Amino acid sequence: MQFKLFGRDPAAILYGLQSLLAVVVAFGVITGDAADYTMTIANGAMALIVALTTRPFVVAAFTGAAQTILTGIVAFGIDGLTFTTEQQGVIIAALSALLGLMLRPNQTPKETAVTSA
């Protein structure tokens, strides 16, 4: 079963947001940079939602979403939430390790032609 948000595919929602942002940039309501930052965080948020609702849980999808969101936060330069490249790397590495440790006891390898030979 495919994940739906407001009855729509997540990609369709992102396409709609992108179109809306193009209109508001064209009319000078926001800058192109603001639209870029908004899309970065929206993509990360949508990826996070999809990662959290996917079963079995995929660590790489979750960490990818977190990395995208962190990139957006850094681009915005939000006070108190600015991270260096090194800090972002450490946060993502720690998140991957933590999730891997939490999920490992609950996962078993899949039987394949190679493992059964």
Protein backbone atom coordinates (compact mmCIF):
# COMPACT_ATOMS: atom_id res chain seq x y z
CA MET A 1 0.00 0.00 0.00
CA GLN A 2 1.39 3.36 -1.02
CA PHE A 3 1.60 6.20 1.51
CA LYS A 4 -0.82 9.08 0.91
CA LEU A 5 -0.88 12.50 2.56
CA PHE A 6 -4.18 14.38 2.31
CA GLY A 7 -5.20 11.70 -0.19
CA ARG A 8 -2.29 12.53 -2.49
CA ASP A 9 1.07 11.03 -3.33
CA PRO A 10 3.86 12.94 -1.49
CA ALA A 11 5.52 13.80 -4.81
CA ALA A 12 2.29 15.43 -6.04
CA ILE A 13 2.18 17.60 -2.93
CA LEU A 14 5.78 18.67 -3.51
CA TYR A 15 5.03 19.47 -7.16
CA GLY A 16 2.10 21.61 -6.06
CA LEU A 17 4.26 23.43 -3.51
CA GLN A 18 6.94 24.01 -6.12
CA SER A 19 4.36 25.48 -8.51
CA LEU A 20 2.96 27.73 -5.80
CA LEU A 21 6.44 28.93 -4.89
CA ALA A 22 7.17 29.69 -8.56
CA VAL A 23 4.08 31.92 -8.66
CA VAL A 24 4.92 33.83 -5.47
CA VAL A 25 8.53 34.33 -6.65
CA ALA A 26 7.28 35.59 -10.03
CA PHE A 27 5.12 38.19 -8.27
CA GLY A 28 7.93 39.24 -5.93
CA VAL A 29 6.29 38.01 -2.73
CA ILE A 30 9.38 36.01 -1.77
CA THR A 31 12.89 35.69 -3.19
CA GLY A 32 14.16 32.75 -5.20
CA ASP A 33 16.51 31.89 -2.32
CA ALA A 34 13.59 31.71 0.12
CA ALA A 35 11.76 29.41 -2.30
CA ASP A 36 14.85 27.20 -2.59
CA TYR A 37 15.18 26.94 1.18
CA THR A 38 11.48 26.22 1.54
CA MET A 39 11.65 23.41 -1.05
CA THR A 40 14.73 21.94 0.64
CA ILE A 41 12.99 21.72 4.00
CA ALA A 42 9.70 20.56 2.43
CA ASN A 43 11.55 17.77 0.60
CA GLY A 44 13.26 16.75 3.82
CA ALA A 45 10.01 16.82 5.78
CA MET A 46 8.20 14.76 3.15
CA ALA A 47 11.08 12.28 3.01
CA LEU A 48 10.93 12.02 6.81
CA ILE A 49 7.19 11.33 6.75
CA VAL A 50 7.60 8.66 4.08
CA ALA A 51 10.58 7.12 5.93
CA LEU A 52 8.63 6.93 9.18
CA THR A 53 5.63 5.30 7.54
CA THR A 54 7.59 2.76 5.47
CA ARG A 55 7.73 -0.81 6.77
CA PRO A 56 10.15 -2.35 7.28
CA PHE A 57 11.84 0.77 8.61
CA VAL A 58 14.68 2.00 6.38
CA VAL A 59 17.51 3.69 8.32
CA ALA A 60 19.01 5.23 5.17
CA ALA A 61 15.72 6.91 4.28
CA PHE A 62 15.40 8.41 7.75
CA THR A 63 18.98 9.69 7.85
CA GLY A 64 18.65 11.08 4.32
CA ALA A 65 15.58 13.02 5.41
CA ALA A 66 17.40 14.33 8.47
CA GLN A 67 20.35 15.38 6.34
CA THR A 68 18.09 17.28 3.94
CA ILE A 69 16.34 19.06 6.82
CA LEU A 70 19.68 19.99 8.42
CA THR A 71 20.87 21.42 5.10
CA GLY A 72 17.75 23.58 4.93
CA ILE A 73 18.22 24.78 8.51
CA VAL A 74 21.82 25.72 7.79
CA ALA A 75 20.76 27.53 4.60
CA PHE A 76 18.18 29.55 6.54
CA GLY A 77 20.69 30.47 9.21
CA ILE A 78 18.13 30.17 12.01
CA ASP A 79 19.53 31.61 15.25
CA GLY A 80 20.64 28.85 17.59
CA LEU A 81 20.31 26.21 14.87
CA THR A 82 23.38 26.89 12.77
CA PHE A 83 25.67 23.93 12.25
CA THR A 84 29.05 23.64 10.59
CA THR A 85 29.62 20.98 7.95
CA GLU A 86 31.51 18.92 10.52
CA GLN A 87 28.67 19.19 13.04
CA GLN A 88 26.15 18.10 10.41
CA GLY A 89 28.32 15.09 9.58
CA VAL A 90 28.60 14.09 13.23
CA ILE A 91 24.85 14.45 13.78
CA ILE A 92 24.07 12.26 10.75
CA ALA A 93 26.70 9.67 11.73
CA ALA A 94 25.41 9.53 15.31
CA LEU A 95 21.82 9.25 14.09
CA SER A 96 22.75 6.39 11.75
CA ALA A 97 24.62 4.54 14.51
CA LEU A 98 21.82 5.03 17.03
CA LEU A 99 19.11 3.87 14.65
CA GLY A 100 21.25 0.94 13.53
CA LEU A 101 21.74 -0.17 17.14
CA MET A 102 18.05 0.20 17.94
CA LEU A 103 16.84 -1.64 14.85
CA ARG A 104 19.45 -4.39 14.55
CA PRO A 105 17.92 -6.75 17.16
CA ASN A 106 14.60 -6.56 15.32
CA GLN A 107 15.90 -7.40 11.86
CA THR A 108 16.90 -10.70 10.32
CA PRO A 109 18.79 -11.27 7.09
CA LYS A 110 16.75 -12.19 4.05
CA GLU A 111 17.37 -15.61 2.54
CA THR A 112 18.94 -15.24 -0.90
CA ALA A 113 20.42 -17.55 -3.52
CA VAL A 114 23.90 -16.68 -2.24
CA THR A 115 23.18 -17.36 1.44
CA SER A 116 21.35 -20.61 0.79
CA ALA A 117 24.12 -22.08 -1.43
